[in-house]
Amino acid sequence: MTQGFILAFLGTPEIIIILVVVLLLFGGKKIPELMRGLGKGMKEFKDAKDGGSDSNEIEKK
């Protein structure tokens, strides 16, 4: 409930400012690596939550 309340106050200018700050902090080369790692983590979490097959078995094939 609190998360939706906070997001209601973020408009387009605020989101652009946040993105520029992230770009300045991490640089253009590091952001894709961070997003790739975040995506892998989310996939592993989803697979573990759903009780899916082990991702290591898929990578070995």
C-alpha atoms as a PDB file:
ATOM      1  CA  MET A   1       0.000   0.000   0.000  1.00  0.00           C
ATOM      2  CA  THR A   2       2.821   2.402   0.846  1.00  0.00           C
ATOM      3  CA  GLN A   3       4.660   1.595  -2.375  1.00  0.00           C
ATOM      4  CA  GLY A   4       1.716   2.700  -4.529  1.00  0.00           C
ATOM      5  CA  PHE A   5       1.409   5.873  -2.472  1.00  0.00           C
ATOM      6  CA  ILE A   6       5.074   6.768  -3.000  1.00  0.00           C
ATOM      7  CA  LEU A   7       4.946   6.001  -6.741  1.00  0.00           C
ATOM      8  CA  ALA A   8       1.991   8.338  -7.102  1.00  0.00           C
ATOM      9  CA  PHE A   9       4.310  11.285  -6.385  1.00  0.00           C
ATOM     10  CA  LEU A  10       6.909  10.314  -9.002  1.00  0.00           C
ATOM     11  CA  GLY A  11       6.244  12.110 -12.234  1.00  0.00           C
ATOM     12  CA  THR A  12       8.152  12.066 -15.489  1.00  0.00           C
ATOM     13  CA  PRO A  13      10.723  14.718 -14.456  1.00  0.00           C
ATOM     14  CA  GLU A  14      11.544  12.874 -11.232  1.00  0.00           C
ATOM     15  CA  ILE A  15      11.985   9.557 -13.029  1.00  0.00           C
ATOM     16  CA  ILE A  16      14.277  11.204 -15.606  1.00  0.00           C
ATOM     17  CA  ILE A  17      16.384  12.728 -12.819  1.00  0.00           C
ATOM     18  CA  ILE A  18      16.682   9.332 -11.103  1.00  0.00           C
ATOM     19  CA  LEU A  19      17.764   7.693 -14.381  1.00  0.00           C
ATOM     20  CA  VAL A  20      20.392  10.382 -15.012  1.00  0.00           C
ATOM     21  CA  VAL A  21      21.788   9.957 -11.487  1.00  0.00           C
ATOM     22  CA  VAL A  22      21.985   6.169 -11.958  1.00  0.00           C
ATOM     23  CA  LEU A  23      23.741   6.681 -15.292  1.00  0.00           C
ATOM     24  CA  LEU A  24      26.261   9.035 -13.695  1.00  0.00           C
ATOM     25  CA  LEU A  25      26.907   6.710 -10.753  1.00  0.00           C
ATOM     26  CA  PHE A  26      27.347   3.450 -12.659  1.00  0.00           C
ATOM     27  CA  GLY A  27      28.299   4.535 -16.164  1.00  0.00           C
ATOM     28  CA  GLY A  28      26.942   3.347 -19.479  1.00  0.00           C
ATOM     29  CA  LYS A  29      28.979   0.140 -19.580  1.00  0.00           C
ATOM     30  CA  LYS A  30      27.983  -1.128 -16.137  1.00  0.00           C
ATOM     31  CA  ILE A  31      24.194  -0.641 -16.405  1.00  0.00           C
ATOM     32  CA  PRO A  32      23.580  -3.521 -18.899  1.00  0.00           C
ATOM     33  CA  GLU A  33      25.605  -5.843 -16.654  1.00  0.00           C
ATOM     34  CA  LEU A  34      23.552  -4.801 -13.628  1.00  0.00           C
ATOM     35  CA  MET A  35      20.269  -5.318 -15.484  1.00  0.00           C
ATOM     36  CA  ARG A  36      21.424  -8.713 -16.789  1.00  0.00           C
ATOM     37  CA  GLY A  37      22.272  -9.808 -13.245  1.00  0.00           C
ATOM     38  CA  LEU A  38      18.948  -8.497 -11.970  1.00  0.00           C
ATOM     39  CA  GLY A  39      17.095 -10.408 -14.693  1.00  0.00           C
ATOM     40  CA  LYS A  40      18.928 -13.645 -13.899  1.00  0.00           C
ATOM     41  CA  GLY A  41      18.167 -13.220 -10.210  1.00  0.00           C
ATOM     42  CA  MET A  42      14.481 -12.609 -10.895  1.00  0.00           C
ATOM     43  CA  LYS A  43      14.339 -15.672 -13.171  1.00  0.00           C
ATOM     44  CA  GLU A  44      16.015 -17.869 -10.564  1.00  0.00           C
ATOM     45  CA  PHE A  45      13.647 -16.584  -7.878  1.00  0.00           C
ATOM     46  CA  LYS A  46      10.613 -17.221 -10.068  1.00  0.00           C
ATOM     47  CA  ASP A  47      11.822 -20.728 -10.939  1.00  0.00           C
ATOM     48  CA  ALA A  48      12.471 -21.522  -7.281  1.00  0.00           C
ATOM     49  CA  LYS A  49       9.093 -20.112  -6.264  1.00  0.00           C
ATOM     50  CA  ASP A  50       7.249 -22.110  -8.907  1.00  0.00           C
ATOM     51  CA  GLY A  51       9.288 -25.233  -8.213  1.00  0.00           C
ATOM     52  CA  GLY A  52      10.561 -25.295 -11.771  1.00  0.00           C
ATOM     53  CA  SER A  53      13.486 -27.338 -13.003  1.00  0.00           C
ATOM     54  CA  ASP A  54      16.992 -26.462 -11.921  1.00  0.00           C
ATOM     55  CA  SER A  55      18.481 -23.796 -14.201  1.00  0.00           C
ATOM     56  CA  ASN A  56      21.919 -25.476 -13.957  1.00  0.00           C
ATOM     57  CA  GLU A  57      20.529 -28.529 -15.752  1.00  0.00           C
ATOM     58  CA  ILE A  58      19.372 -26.357 -18.634  1.00  0.00           C
ATOM     59  CA  GLU A  59      22.728 -24.543 -18.873  1.00  0.00           C
ATOM     60  CA  LYS A  60      24.656 -27.855 -18.976  1.00  0.00           C
ATOM     61  CA  LYS A  61      22.707 -29.119 -22.012  1.00  0.00           C
END
